Amino acid sequence: MFRIAQRLGGALLVSAACFAPMASPAFAETSEIRIVKQYGLAFLPLMVMEREKLFEKRAAALGIDTKPVYMTLGNNTAANEALISGSVNVITNGPPGFLTVWSRTKGTPSEVKGIASLLSQSSWLNTRNPDVKTIKDFTEKDRIALSAVKISIPAIILQMAAAKEWGQSEYKKLDPLTVSLPHPDGMSALLSGKTEITAHFTSPPFQNIEVKTPGVHTVLTSEEVMGGPSTWSILFSTVKFKEENPKTMQAFVEGLADAQALINADKSKAADIYLSFAKEGGAKKEDIVALLSDPGTNYTMTPQKIMKYAEFLKTVGSLKVIPATWNEPFFEYVQTLPGD
């Protein structure tokens, strides 16, 4: 087992022809690893890996010439489909989306497993509607933007909050008010005041920019619902890709650990890297450094609150197979970490 555990912890329309794996001799590692990231500070480790060429450095040390290809998109469903088809090799998703794909593919040729957590952080439900003080105050006139209805982290946390407020059978009570928008678009729609969007359940730095705008306030946080910090995003791949390319995956995991170590050690440099990729307006370096220094933001490979998500999804019938323990759906890289 690698010793990583001892270290610091439109839609995508990808055709199989466009991103088909490049031919290589028998028993050779793949010539490319295609990595999908998304928007926001949750994906900073992948931005750092790309900018600092951390995968390339680790691959060279292992004697392989595999090249990384990084792609950015805001559509989890399309990323899931691309991974299963083999069009891409590593994707990110929140614990609910990851667990759903793991459950669906377990024991099949397309089986997926988690590589590691990207980070744990708090997400906020913000609104510009002054009448909304709690989730009980939302009406049919409100629309809540989030990255993906019914399956994203904010969508599931909103359902968990609804179940707590109105009872388990009412967990979908707020679903009709939700609208799928990538994080930057959701923020723009909320702040413009010119669309149907009156609330946005999102992540840093979008949520932080929003609450600095006059008239916007926070209704709910993920920590209130989850009872503490929880993993925001998980990296995962297919078992097939990992078994056929063990050195490539080792280089990726080591590069990820290097990226998280850089972020935790040099927040100024990490902020510069983030801003070079950022699409949202209004973000300043000092603000990003402050967010990276927030105790609620933890760049770690350790998965957190996996079983709490799994148990809720099982209860509402969204998860056919529940893991026996938090680490069952993961590869060996994080097995010895103190997850839950």
Protein backbone atom coordinates (compact mmCIF):
# COMPACT_ATOMS: atom_id res chain seq x y z
CA MET A 1 0.00 0.00 0.00
CA PHE A 2 1.22 3.47 -0.76
CA ARG A 3 2.23 5.65 2.18
CA ILE A 4 0.01 8.50 1.06
CA ALA A 5 -2.12 7.96 4.17
CA GLN A 6 0.81 9.16 6.22
CA ARG A 7 0.97 12.49 4.41
CA LEU A 8 -1.11 15.62 4.61
CA GLY A 9 -4.19 14.67 4.46
CA GLY A 10 -23.70 24.01 -22.24
CA ALA A 11 -23.40 20.50 -20.72
CA LEU A 12 -20.41 18.32 -21.36
CA LEU A 13 -20.86 16.67 -24.69
CA VAL A 14 -17.85 14.45 -24.83
CA SER A 15 -17.81 11.94 -27.64
CA ALA A 16 -16.04 8.65 -27.19
CA ALA A 17 -14.17 9.34 -30.39
CA CYS A 18 -12.93 12.71 -29.14
CA PHE A 19 -11.53 11.42 -25.85
CA ALA A 20 -10.94 7.74 -26.66
CA PRO A 21 -7.96 6.25 -24.84
CA MET A 22 -4.81 6.40 -26.94
CA ALA A 23 -3.41 3.11 -28.12
CA SER A 24 -0.54 1.63 -26.14
CA PRO A 25 1.36 -1.64 -26.11
CA ALA A 26 0.10 -4.56 -24.03
CA PHE A 27 0.77 -4.16 -20.30
CA ALA A 28 1.87 -0.52 -20.80
CA GLU A 29 0.34 2.29 -18.78
CA THR A 30 -2.08 4.65 -20.51
CA SER A 31 -0.52 7.56 -22.40
CA GLU A 32 -3.11 9.99 -20.96
CA ILE A 33 -5.13 10.42 -17.79
CA ARG A 34 -8.18 12.61 -18.38
CA ILE A 35 -9.24 14.50 -15.25
CA VAL A 36 -12.47 16.46 -14.83
CA LYS A 37 -12.66 19.34 -12.36
CA GLN A 38 -15.38 21.89 -11.65
CA TYR A 39 -15.75 25.44 -10.39
CA GLY A 40 -14.85 26.83 -6.98
CA LEU A 41 -12.28 26.47 -4.22
CA ALA A 42 -13.25 22.84 -3.68
CA PHE A 43 -11.27 22.01 -6.79
CA LEU A 44 -8.17 24.04 -5.95
CA PRO A 45 -6.00 20.91 -5.46
CA LEU A 46 -6.59 19.97 -9.11
CA MET A 47 -5.80 23.52 -10.21
CA VAL A 48 -2.56 23.36 -8.22
CA MET A 49 -1.72 19.97 -9.73
CA GLU A 50 -2.23 21.38 -13.21
CA ARG A 51 -0.33 24.63 -12.71
CA GLU A 52 2.59 23.10 -10.80
CA LYS A 53 2.73 19.97 -12.98
CA LEU A 54 2.64 17.79 -9.89
CA PHE A 55 1.29 14.73 -11.67
CA GLU A 56 4.02 14.97 -14.30
CA LYS A 57 6.71 15.14 -11.61
CA ARG A 58 5.40 12.09 -9.79
CA ALA A 59 4.88 10.18 -13.04
CA ALA A 60 8.47 10.84 -14.11
CA ALA A 61 9.73 9.59 -10.74
CA LEU A 62 7.80 6.36 -11.33
CA GLY A 63 9.27 5.95 -14.80
CA ILE A 64 6.08 6.54 -16.83
CA ASP A 65 5.36 9.13 -19.51
CA THR A 66 1.61 9.50 -18.93
CA LYS A 67 0.28 13.00 -19.60
CA PRO A 68 -2.62 14.60 -17.74
CA VAL A 69 -5.49 16.28 -19.58
CA TYR A 70 -7.59 18.56 -17.36
CA MET A 71 -11.15 19.54 -18.29
CA THR A 72 -13.51 21.91 -16.47
CA LEU A 73 -17.29 21.60 -16.43
CA GLY A 74 -20.22 22.15 -14.10
CA ASN A 75 -22.40 19.15 -14.93
CA ASN A 76 -22.08 16.12 -12.64
CA THR A 77 -24.43 13.89 -14.63
CA ALA A 78 -22.43 14.32 -17.81
CA ALA A 79 -19.19 13.66 -15.93
CA ASN A 80 -20.61 10.43 -14.49
CA GLU A 81 -21.61 9.24 -17.94
CA ALA A 82 -18.22 10.15 -19.38
CA LEU A 83 -16.43 8.16 -16.64
CA ILE A 84 -18.56 5.05 -17.12
CA SER A 85 -18.07 5.20 -20.89
CA GLY A 86 -14.29 5.53 -20.51
CA SER A 87 -14.22 8.98 -22.11
CA VAL A 88 -12.58 10.38 -18.97
CA ASN A 89 -10.67 8.67 -16.17
CA VAL A 90 -11.02 10.70 -12.97
CA ILE A 91 -13.98 12.86 -11.98
CA THR A 92 -15.23 14.70 -8.92
CA ASN A 93 -18.63 14.62 -7.28
CA GLY A 94 -20.11 15.19 -3.87
CA PRO A 95 -20.59 12.22 -1.53
CA PRO A 96 -24.27 11.76 -2.55
CA GLY A 97 -23.47 11.62 -6.26
CA PHE A 98 -20.42 9.44 -5.69
CA LEU A 99 -22.31 6.97 -3.49
CA THR A 100 -25.10 6.74 -6.04
CA VAL A 101 -22.68 5.85 -8.85
CA TRP A 102 -20.76 3.43 -6.61
CA SER A 103 -23.99 1.67 -5.60
CA ARG A 104 -25.19 1.45 -9.21
CA THR A 105 -21.92 0.04 -10.56
CA LYS A 106 -20.82 -2.18 -7.65
CA GLY A 107 -19.96 -5.67 -8.95
CA THR A 108 -20.19 -4.65 -12.62
CA PRO A 109 -17.41 -4.17 -15.21
CA SER A 110 -17.93 -0.40 -14.77
CA GLU A 111 -17.50 -0.43 -10.98
CA VAL A 112 -16.18 2.82 -9.53
CA LYS A 113 -14.38 3.53 -6.26
CA GLY A 114 -13.28 6.66 -4.47
CA ILE A 115 -9.68 7.79 -4.65
CA ALA A 116 -9.72 10.43 -1.91
CA SER A 117 -11.48 13.50 -0.59
CA LEU A 118 -10.54 16.86 -2.08
CA LEU A 119 -11.59 18.83 0.99
CA SER A 120 -14.12 19.30 3.75
CA GLN A 121 -15.92 22.63 3.91
CA SER A 122 -19.17 24.36 4.84
CA SER A 123 -21.73 25.35 2.22
CA TRP A 124 -24.33 28.08 2.72
CA LEU A 125 -27.88 28.66 1.54
CA ASN A 126 -28.08 32.40 0.83
CA THR A 127 -31.09 34.47 -0.20
CA ARG A 128 -31.97 38.01 -1.25
CA ASN A 129 -35.56 37.56 -0.07
CA PRO A 130 -35.84 39.51 3.23
CA ASP A 131 -38.90 37.47 4.25
CA VAL A 132 -36.96 34.20 4.32
CA LYS A 133 -35.42 33.67 7.75
CA THR A 134 -35.57 29.85 7.80
CA ILE A 135 -36.37 27.22 5.17
CA LYS A 136 -39.99 27.28 6.40
CA ASP A 137 -40.36 30.75 4.86
CA PHE A 138 -39.74 29.76 1.23
CA THR A 139 -42.84 29.98 -1.00
CA GLU A 140 -43.78 29.09 -4.56
CA LYS A 141 -42.46 32.49 -5.61
CA ASP A 142 -38.89 31.53 -4.63
CA ARG A 143 -36.38 29.61 -6.70
CA ILE A 144 -33.23 28.10 -5.20
CA ALA A 145 -30.22 27.68 -7.49
CA LEU A 146 -27.82 24.80 -6.85
CA SER A 147 -25.34 22.89 -8.97
CA ALA A 148 -27.61 19.91 -9.72
CA VAL A 149 -31.17 19.31 -8.53
CA LYS A 150 -31.81 16.20 -6.42
CA ILE A 151 -28.25 14.81 -6.59
CA SER A 152 -25.73 17.54 -5.64
CA ILE A 153 -24.52 18.10 -2.08
CA PRO A 154 -26.66 21.23 -1.60
CA ALA A 155 -29.70 19.40 -2.99
CA ILE A 156 -29.27 16.47 -0.58
CA ILE A 157 -28.52 18.71 2.39
CA LEU A 158 -31.66 20.70 1.59
CA GLN A 159 -33.63 17.43 1.60
CA MET A 160 -32.07 16.43 4.92
CA ALA A 161 -33.02 19.83 6.35
CA ALA A 162 -36.57 19.45 5.04
CA ALA A 163 -36.86 15.99 6.61
CA LYS A 164 -35.70 17.41 9.91
CA GLU A 165 -38.15 20.32 9.71
CA TRP A 166 -41.28 18.62 8.37
CA GLY A 167 -40.67 14.89 8.88
CA GLN A 168 -38.96 12.19 6.81
CA SER A 169 -41.88 11.80 4.38
CA GLU A 170 -41.57 15.50 3.44
CA TYR A 171 -37.90 15.41 2.48
CA LYS A 172 -38.73 16.50 -1.08
CA LYS A 173 -40.85 19.44 0.02
CA LEU A 174 -38.44 22.07 -1.34
CA ASP A 175 -37.36 20.17 -4.48
CA PRO A 176 -39.89 21.94 -6.76
CA LEU A 177 -38.22 25.25 -5.91
CA THR A 178 -34.72 24.13 -6.98
CA VAL A 179 -33.02 24.97 -10.28
CA SER A 180 -29.75 23.54 -11.67
CA LEU A 181 -27.08 26.16 -12.36
CA PRO A 182 -23.26 26.00 -12.20
CA HIS A 183 -21.94 27.87 -9.15
CA PRO A 184 -20.79 31.02 -11.03
CA ASP A 185 -24.11 31.28 -12.90
CA GLY A 186 -26.12 30.73 -9.74
CA MET A 187 -24.25 33.53 -8.00
CA SER A 188 -24.74 35.88 -10.95
CA ALA A 189 -28.45 35.09 -11.10
CA LEU A 190 -28.92 35.71 -7.37
CA LEU A 191 -26.97 38.95 -7.27
CA SER A 192 -28.50 40.42 -10.44
CA GLY A 193 -31.97 40.48 -8.91
CA LYS A 194 -33.32 40.23 -12.45
CA THR A 195 -34.08 36.51 -12.59
CA GLU A 196 -36.41 34.09 -10.82
CA ILE A 197 -33.53 33.01 -8.56
CA THR A 198 -34.04 34.31 -5.03
CA ALA A 199 -31.68 31.91 -3.23
CA HIS A 200 -28.46 30.01 -3.91
CA PHE A 201 -27.05 26.98 -2.06
CA THR A 202 -23.37 27.02 -2.95
CA SER A 203 -19.76 26.89 -1.74
CA PRO A 204 -16.72 29.17 -1.27
CA PRO A 205 -15.89 31.64 -2.65
CA PHE A 206 -19.32 32.18 -4.21
CA GLN A 207 -21.22 32.10 -0.92
CA ASN A 208 -18.78 34.54 0.67
CA ILE A 209 -19.03 37.00 -2.22
CA GLU A 210 -22.82 36.79 -2.05
CA VAL A 211 -23.15 37.65 1.65
CA LYS A 212 -21.00 40.75 1.14
CA THR A 213 -23.70 42.07 -1.17
CA PRO A 214 -26.29 44.30 0.56
CA GLY A 215 -29.59 42.52 0.97
CA VAL A 216 -28.19 38.97 0.91
CA HIS A 217 -28.19 36.84 4.06
CA THR A 218 -27.59 33.19 5.02
CA VAL A 219 -30.54 30.95 5.83
CA LEU A 220 -28.81 27.62 6.50
CA THR A 221 -25.34 26.03 6.54
CA SER A 222 -24.29 22.45 5.84
CA GLU A 223 -22.57 22.19 9.22
CA GLU A 224 -25.90 22.87 10.95
CA VAL A 225 -27.47 19.96 9.09
CA MET A 226 -24.53 17.54 9.13
CA GLY A 227 -23.44 18.19 12.70
CA GLY A 228 -19.93 19.28 11.77
CA PRO A 229 -17.47 19.36 8.84
CA SER A 230 -18.24 17.11 5.89
CA THR A 231 -16.52 16.18 2.67
CA TRP A 232 -17.56 18.45 -0.17
CA SER A 233 -16.00 16.66 -3.11
CA ILE A 234 -14.63 13.18 -3.80
CA LEU A 235 -12.30 12.07 -6.58
CA PHE A 236 -13.18 8.72 -8.09
CA SER A 237 -12.34 6.44 -10.99
CA THR A 238 -13.24 3.02 -12.32
CA VAL A 239 -11.69 -0.10 -10.83
CA LYS A 240 -10.78 -1.15 -14.36
CA PHE A 241 -8.72 2.00 -15.03
CA LYS A 242 -6.95 1.77 -11.70
CA GLU A 243 -6.06 -1.92 -12.10
CA GLU A 244 -4.80 -1.42 -15.66
CA ASN A 245 -2.78 1.68 -14.73
CA PRO A 246 -1.44 1.27 -11.19
CA LYS A 247 1.54 3.61 -11.61
CA THR A 248 -0.61 6.28 -13.24
CA MET A 249 -3.00 6.18 -10.31
CA GLN A 250 -0.13 6.19 -7.83
CA ALA A 251 1.30 9.28 -9.50
CA PHE A 252 -2.12 10.94 -9.35
CA VAL A 253 -2.60 10.23 -5.64
CA GLU A 254 0.91 11.39 -4.78
CA GLY A 255 0.40 14.54 -6.87
CA LEU A 256 -2.88 15.19 -5.05
CA ALA A 257 -1.13 14.89 -1.67
CA ASP A 258 1.55 17.30 -2.91
CA ALA A 259 -1.15 19.78 -4.00
CA GLN A 260 -2.97 19.65 -0.67
CA ALA A 261 0.34 20.08 1.17
CA LEU A 262 1.15 23.17 -0.93
CA ILE A 263 -2.26 24.72 -0.21
CA ASN A 264 -1.93 24.13 3.52
CA ALA A 265 1.64 25.43 3.63
CA ASP A 266 1.50 28.42 1.23
CA LYS A 267 -1.96 29.96 1.09
CA SER A 268 -0.69 33.05 -0.74
CA LYS A 269 0.64 30.99 -3.64
CA ALA A 270 -2.46 28.82 -3.61
CA ALA A 271 -4.67 31.92 -3.84
CA ASP A 272 -2.67 33.18 -6.83
CA ILE A 273 -3.16 29.85 -8.57
CA TYR A 274 -6.90 29.87 -7.84
CA LEU A 275 -7.37 33.39 -9.17
CA SER A 276 -5.57 32.47 -12.39
CA PHE A 277 -8.33 29.91 -13.01
CA ALA A 278 -11.31 31.70 -11.43
CA LYS A 279 -14.33 32.64 -13.53
CA GLU A 280 -16.31 34.57 -10.92
CA GLY A 281 -15.94 38.31 -10.56
CA GLY A 282 -15.37 40.09 -7.27
CA ALA A 283 -12.82 37.69 -5.79
CA LYS A 284 -9.70 39.33 -4.37
CA LYS A 285 -6.50 37.65 -3.27
CA GLU A 286 -6.87 38.69 0.37
CA ASP A 287 -10.38 37.24 0.40
CA ILE A 288 -9.19 33.92 -1.03
CA VAL A 289 -6.36 33.72 1.50
CA ALA A 290 -8.88 34.36 4.27
CA LEU A 291 -11.13 31.59 2.96
CA LEU A 292 -8.22 29.15 2.75
CA SER A 293 -7.35 30.04 6.36
CA ASP A 294 -10.91 29.49 7.61
CA PRO A 295 -11.04 26.61 10.15
CA GLY A 296 -14.10 25.30 8.28
CA THR A 297 -12.06 24.71 5.12
CA ASN A 298 -9.80 21.68 5.34
CA TYR A 299 -7.88 20.33 2.35
CA THR A 300 -7.53 16.70 3.33
CA MET A 301 -7.74 13.30 1.69
CA THR A 302 -9.82 12.01 4.63
CA PRO A 303 -13.50 11.37 3.74
CA GLN A 304 -15.91 12.80 6.35
CA LYS A 305 -19.63 12.14 7.04
CA ILE A 306 -19.81 9.50 4.28
CA MET A 307 -22.01 7.20 6.34
CA LYS A 308 -24.40 9.99 7.33
CA TYR A 309 -25.02 10.67 3.65
CA ALA A 310 -25.32 6.95 2.89
CA GLU A 311 -27.84 6.31 5.65
CA PHE A 312 -30.07 9.20 4.53
CA LEU A 313 -29.91 8.15 0.88
CA LYS A 314 -30.79 4.58 1.85
CA THR A 315 -33.72 5.77 3.99
CA VAL A 316 -35.26 7.75 1.11
CA GLY A 317 -34.65 4.96 -1.41
CA SER A 318 -31.98 6.74 -3.45
CA LEU A 319 -29.25 4.23 -2.60
CA LYS A 320 -29.79 0.56 -3.37
CA VAL A 321 -26.63 -0.64 -1.65
CA ILE A 322 -25.30 0.98 1.51
CA PRO A 323 -21.62 0.48 2.39
CA ALA A 324 -20.94 -1.54 5.53
CA THR A 325 -18.31 1.02 6.57
CA TRP A 326 -17.26 4.43 5.26
CA ASN A 327 -14.15 3.03 3.58
CA GLU A 328 -15.81 0.20 1.62
CA PRO A 329 -16.42 2.38 -1.48
CA PHE A 330 -12.80 3.63 -1.56
CA PHE A 331 -9.50 2.38 -2.96
CA GLU A 332 -6.65 1.56 -0.60
CA TYR A 333 -5.15 5.06 -0.63
CA VAL A 334 -7.37 6.34 2.23
CA GLN A 335 -8.23 3.12 4.06
CA THR A 336 -6.16 3.90 7.16
CA LEU A 337 -7.26 7.54 7.50
CA PRO A 338 -9.70 8.53 10.31
CA GLY A 339 -12.79 8.92 8.13
CA ASP A 340 -16.43 8.44 9.05
